[in-house]
Amino acid sequence: MEDELRPEYDFAQMEGGVRGKYVERLDKNRPMTTITIRIPEDVIEDLKRIAPLLGFSGYQP
């Protein structure tokens, strides 16, 4: 897999973009929202295997 953005996803080249436009809306003291969805067991096992490789931790079934 390449570690480069495709040209159509290079947002630095887009006009009118403002970095951090919505940062003031974030409430650092509010916990993250969690959701519950049904996922087949084989998919869950795959996700548990690859999540650490992607930098995610703290899986909660």
Protein backbone atom coordinates (compact mmCIF):
# COMPACT_ATOMS: atom_id res chain seq x y z
CA MET A 1 0.00 0.00 0.00
CA GLU A 2 1.32 3.43 -0.87
CA ASP A 3 1.76 5.97 1.89
CA GLU A 4 0.73 8.93 -0.23
CA LEU A 5 -2.54 10.73 -0.79
CA ARG A 6 -4.18 10.59 -4.15
CA PRO A 7 -4.24 14.01 -5.82
CA GLU A 8 -8.02 14.23 -5.44
CA TYR A 9 -7.61 13.95 -1.63
CA ASP A 10 -4.89 16.59 -1.25
CA PHE A 11 -6.94 19.08 0.73
CA ALA A 12 -3.97 21.44 1.07
CA GLN A 13 -4.53 22.31 -2.58
CA MET A 14 -8.24 23.09 -2.11
CA GLU A 15 -9.41 26.67 -1.99
CA GLY A 16 -11.32 28.04 0.98
CA GLY A 17 -10.22 25.42 3.49
CA VAL A 18 -9.54 26.61 7.02
CA ARG A 19 -7.48 24.41 9.33
CA GLY A 20 -9.03 24.07 12.78
CA LYS A 21 -12.27 25.74 11.75
CA TYR A 22 -14.35 23.73 14.23
CA VAL A 23 -11.75 23.14 16.95
CA GLU A 24 -13.48 25.55 19.33
CA ARG A 25 -16.58 23.32 19.23
CA LEU A 26 -14.74 20.42 20.81
CA ASP A 27 -15.33 19.97 24.51
CA LYS A 28 -12.24 18.31 25.94
CA ASN A 29 -14.04 17.42 29.19
CA ARG A 30 -16.88 15.53 27.51
CA PRO A 31 -16.35 11.79 27.13
CA MET A 32 -16.44 10.24 23.69
CA THR A 33 -19.76 8.79 22.60
CA THR A 34 -19.97 5.06 22.13
CA ILE A 35 -22.31 3.12 19.91
CA THR A 36 -23.37 -0.50 19.80
CA ILE A 37 -23.72 -2.34 16.51
CA ARG A 38 -24.02 -6.00 15.65
CA ILE A 39 -20.96 -7.35 13.86
CA PRO A 40 -20.32 -10.97 12.84
CA GLU A 41 -17.79 -12.77 15.08
CA ASP A 42 -15.29 -13.33 12.26
CA VAL A 43 -15.22 -9.61 11.53
CA ILE A 44 -14.70 -8.85 15.23
CA GLU A 45 -11.76 -11.26 15.36
CA ASP A 46 -10.21 -9.60 12.30
CA LEU A 47 -10.68 -6.15 13.82
CA LYS A 48 -9.10 -7.21 17.12
CA ARG A 49 -6.13 -8.55 15.17
CA ILE A 50 -5.53 -5.46 13.02
CA ALA A 51 -6.58 -2.68 15.44
CA PRO A 52 -3.23 -2.57 17.28
CA LEU A 53 -1.42 -2.37 13.96
CA LEU A 54 -3.47 0.73 13.13
CA GLY A 55 -2.76 2.36 16.49
CA PHE A 56 -6.05 1.59 18.23
CA SER A 57 -6.13 0.16 21.75
CA GLY A 58 -8.62 -0.49 24.49
CA TYR A 59 -11.04 -2.78 22.66
CA GLN A 60 -14.20 -3.30 24.72
CA PRO A 61 -16.61 -6.05 23.65
